[in-house]
Amino acid sequence: METTRAQKRLVVYIALLPLAGTALASAWHFLYDLIPSPVIGAVAPVNESLWEHLKIVYYPFLILWCAGYAFLRARENAAGYALAGAVGAGAAAVSVVMFDFLFVDIFGVPSVLPLHIINCAVAFIAGAVSGYPFMNIGDRKAEIALSVYAAVVTAACIGGILFTSFTA
């Protein structure tokens, strides 16, 4: 079986995603310190909480996935590629929480910088591996799945806003 140019590009992209993602996420961590505005605070962490650290992985993952769209020339299945990026970003964010709870809360590992860097790299790997299977879903199925995914994420965000509004 001969490997096509597109398959080789995909392998290179998936292999480089954790490295580029960790580098971008490291810079993203300090974005709000450089540009302290509410708009930047919505997408970059403003404090050191675990939930703010989700922004460090989620948004850089989406940025690199969009850059990968051009690199991979994924225009023939744009909906599948978008679905893969959305699923991958969600999986990367969930991975951050799971990694932190496992190592810091369960095993008692101190929450230090090297652990955060490893957590970030693992999250990008988890996102790439989780999103990859969705890249080849047909356009129509991917469009439906992307709509459902967007509705669930929107409902979760609205629910979170309402919950914090009434419990604060």
Protein backbone atom coordinates (compact mmCIF):
# COMPACT_ATOMS: atom_id res chain seq x y z
CA MET A 1 0.00 0.00 0.00
CA GLU A 2 1.51 3.28 -1.11
CA THR A 3 1.31 6.29 1.16
CA THR A 4 -0.08 9.36 -0.54
CA ARG A 5 1.25 12.86 -0.13
CA ALA A 6 -1.91 13.84 1.81
CA GLN A 7 -1.41 10.95 4.26
CA LYS A 8 2.21 11.95 4.81
CA ARG A 9 1.18 15.55 5.48
CA LEU A 10 -1.41 14.34 7.99
CA VAL A 11 1.16 12.23 9.86
CA VAL A 12 3.55 15.19 10.02
CA TYR A 13 0.77 17.49 11.20
CA ILE A 14 -0.49 15.12 13.92
CA ALA A 15 3.11 14.55 15.10
CA LEU A 16 3.89 18.28 15.30
CA LEU A 17 0.58 19.31 16.87
CA PRO A 18 1.61 18.54 20.50
CA LEU A 19 4.92 20.41 20.12
CA ALA A 20 3.44 23.44 18.42
CA GLY A 21 0.43 23.33 20.74
CA THR A 22 2.54 23.31 23.88
CA ALA A 23 4.60 26.23 22.57
CA LEU A 24 1.50 28.24 21.63
CA ALA A 25 -0.23 27.36 24.90
CA SER A 26 2.81 28.57 26.87
CA ALA A 27 2.59 31.95 25.14
CA TRP A 28 -1.22 31.95 25.48
CA HIS A 29 -0.80 31.65 29.26
CA PHE A 30 0.61 35.18 29.39
CA LEU A 31 -1.62 36.83 26.79
CA TYR A 32 -3.88 38.50 29.34
CA ASP A 33 -0.85 39.87 31.21
CA LEU A 34 0.35 41.47 27.97
CA ILE A 35 -3.08 42.73 26.83
CA PRO A 36 -5.36 43.10 29.88
CA SER A 37 -8.77 43.53 28.28
CA PRO A 38 -12.10 41.76 28.84
CA VAL A 39 -12.05 40.39 25.28
CA ILE A 40 -8.64 38.78 25.83
CA GLY A 41 -9.78 37.61 29.29
CA ALA A 42 -12.62 35.70 27.64
CA VAL A 43 -10.18 33.51 25.69
CA ALA A 44 -6.97 33.63 27.76
CA PRO A 45 -6.54 32.73 31.43
CA VAL A 46 -6.77 35.57 33.93
CA ASN A 47 -5.76 33.53 36.99
CA GLU A 48 -4.19 30.19 37.85
CA SER A 49 -7.33 28.10 38.39
CA LEU A 50 -7.75 24.78 36.64
CA TRP A 51 -10.80 26.05 34.80
CA GLU A 52 -8.88 29.03 33.44
CA HIS A 53 -6.18 26.61 32.29
CA LEU A 54 -8.74 24.99 30.00
CA LYS A 55 -8.48 28.14 27.87
CA ILE A 56 -4.73 27.49 27.51
CA VAL A 57 -5.45 24.26 25.65
CA TYR A 58 -8.86 24.81 24.05
CA TYR A 59 -8.24 27.98 22.04
CA PRO A 60 -4.67 27.20 20.90
CA PHE A 61 -5.91 23.76 19.79
CA LEU A 62 -8.60 25.37 17.66
CA ILE A 63 -6.12 27.89 16.23
CA LEU A 64 -3.67 25.15 15.25
CA TRP A 65 -6.47 22.99 13.87
CA CYS A 66 -7.54 25.90 11.65
CA ALA A 67 -3.92 26.36 10.54
CA GLY A 68 -3.83 22.64 9.80
CA TYR A 69 -6.78 23.08 7.47
CA ALA A 70 -4.58 25.11 5.14
CA PHE A 71 -1.53 22.87 5.65
CA LEU A 72 -3.44 19.67 4.96
CA ARG A 73 -5.53 21.13 2.15
CA ALA A 74 -8.62 19.53 3.73
CA ARG A 75 -11.10 21.37 1.52
CA GLU A 76 -12.70 18.22 0.10
CA ASN A 77 -14.19 17.35 3.50
CA ALA A 78 -14.36 20.67 5.33
CA ALA A 79 -17.28 19.63 7.57
CA GLY A 80 -15.49 16.46 8.68
CA TYR A 81 -12.34 18.43 9.39
CA ALA A 82 -14.30 21.03 11.40
CA LEU A 83 -16.02 18.27 13.39
CA ALA A 84 -12.67 16.62 14.08
CA GLY A 85 -11.28 19.94 15.37
CA ALA A 86 -14.29 20.59 17.60
CA VAL A 87 -14.18 17.07 19.05
CA GLY A 88 -10.41 17.28 19.46
CA ALA A 89 -10.57 20.64 21.27
CA GLY A 90 -13.25 19.29 23.61
CA ALA A 91 -11.24 16.13 24.27
CA ALA A 92 -8.10 18.18 24.93
CA ALA A 93 -9.98 20.32 27.47
CA VAL A 94 -11.43 17.25 29.22
CA SER A 95 -7.95 15.72 29.24
CA VAL A 96 -6.58 18.74 31.14
CA VAL A 97 -9.12 18.25 33.92
CA MET A 98 -8.68 14.47 34.08
CA PHE A 99 -4.87 14.72 34.13
CA ASP A 100 -4.94 17.35 36.88
CA PHE A 101 -7.41 15.44 39.06
CA LEU A 102 -5.53 12.17 38.58
CA PHE A 103 -2.04 13.42 39.36
CA VAL A 104 -2.64 16.35 41.72
CA ASP A 105 -5.76 15.31 43.61
CA ILE A 106 -5.52 11.52 43.61
CA PHE A 107 -1.76 10.83 43.55
CA GLY A 108 -0.80 14.04 45.39
CA VAL A 109 1.83 15.16 42.88
CA PRO A 110 2.71 18.83 43.53
CA SER A 111 1.18 21.22 40.99
CA VAL A 112 4.44 22.52 39.51
CA LEU A 113 5.38 23.90 36.09
CA PRO A 114 6.82 20.67 34.60
CA LEU A 115 3.57 18.86 35.44
CA HIS A 116 1.56 21.60 33.69
CA ILE A 117 3.75 21.36 30.59
CA ILE A 118 3.34 17.58 30.46
CA ASN A 119 -0.41 18.01 31.02
CA CYS A 120 -0.55 20.42 28.07
CA ALA A 121 1.34 18.09 25.74
CA VAL A 122 -0.82 15.12 26.78
CA ALA A 123 -3.95 17.22 26.17
CA PHE A 124 -2.85 18.08 22.62
CA ILE A 125 -2.08 14.42 21.94
CA ALA A 126 -5.48 13.39 23.34
CA GLY A 127 -7.19 16.02 21.20
CA ALA A 128 -5.41 14.99 18.02
CA VAL A 129 -6.05 11.29 18.60
CA SER A 130 -9.71 11.88 19.54
CA GLY A 131 -10.42 14.16 16.60
CA TYR A 132 -8.64 12.13 13.93
CA PRO A 133 -11.38 9.48 13.40
CA PHE A 134 -13.94 12.22 12.66
CA MET A 135 -11.94 13.66 9.75
CA ASN A 136 -13.27 11.16 7.22
CA ILE A 137 -16.96 11.31 8.05
CA GLY A 138 -19.01 12.30 5.03
CA ASP A 139 -19.99 15.95 4.65
CA ARG A 140 -23.70 15.50 5.41
CA LYS A 141 -23.16 13.35 8.52
CA ALA A 142 -20.40 15.69 9.71
CA GLU A 143 -22.65 18.73 9.28
CA ILE A 144 -25.38 17.11 11.39
CA ALA A 145 -22.91 15.96 14.05
CA LEU A 146 -21.27 19.40 14.13
CA SER A 147 -24.67 21.05 14.63
CA VAL A 148 -25.50 18.70 17.51
CA TYR A 149 -22.05 19.23 19.03
CA ALA A 150 -22.43 23.02 18.80
CA ALA A 151 -25.89 22.84 20.39
CA VAL A 152 -24.61 20.72 23.30
CA VAL A 153 -21.63 23.03 23.92
CA THR A 154 -23.89 26.11 23.73
CA ALA A 155 -26.39 24.55 26.14
CA ALA A 156 -23.57 23.67 28.54
CA CYS A 157 -22.22 27.23 28.42
CA ILE A 158 -25.67 28.74 29.01
CA GLY A 159 -26.26 26.26 31.82
CA GLY A 160 -22.96 27.20 33.40
CA ILE A 161 -23.74 30.90 33.18
CA LEU A 162 -27.19 30.42 34.71
CA PHE A 163 -25.81 28.14 37.43
CA THR A 164 -23.13 30.62 38.46
CA SER A 165 -25.61 33.52 38.25
CA PHE A 166 -28.04 31.90 40.68
CA THR A 167 -25.49 30.35 43.04
CA ALA A 168 -23.11 33.29 43.39
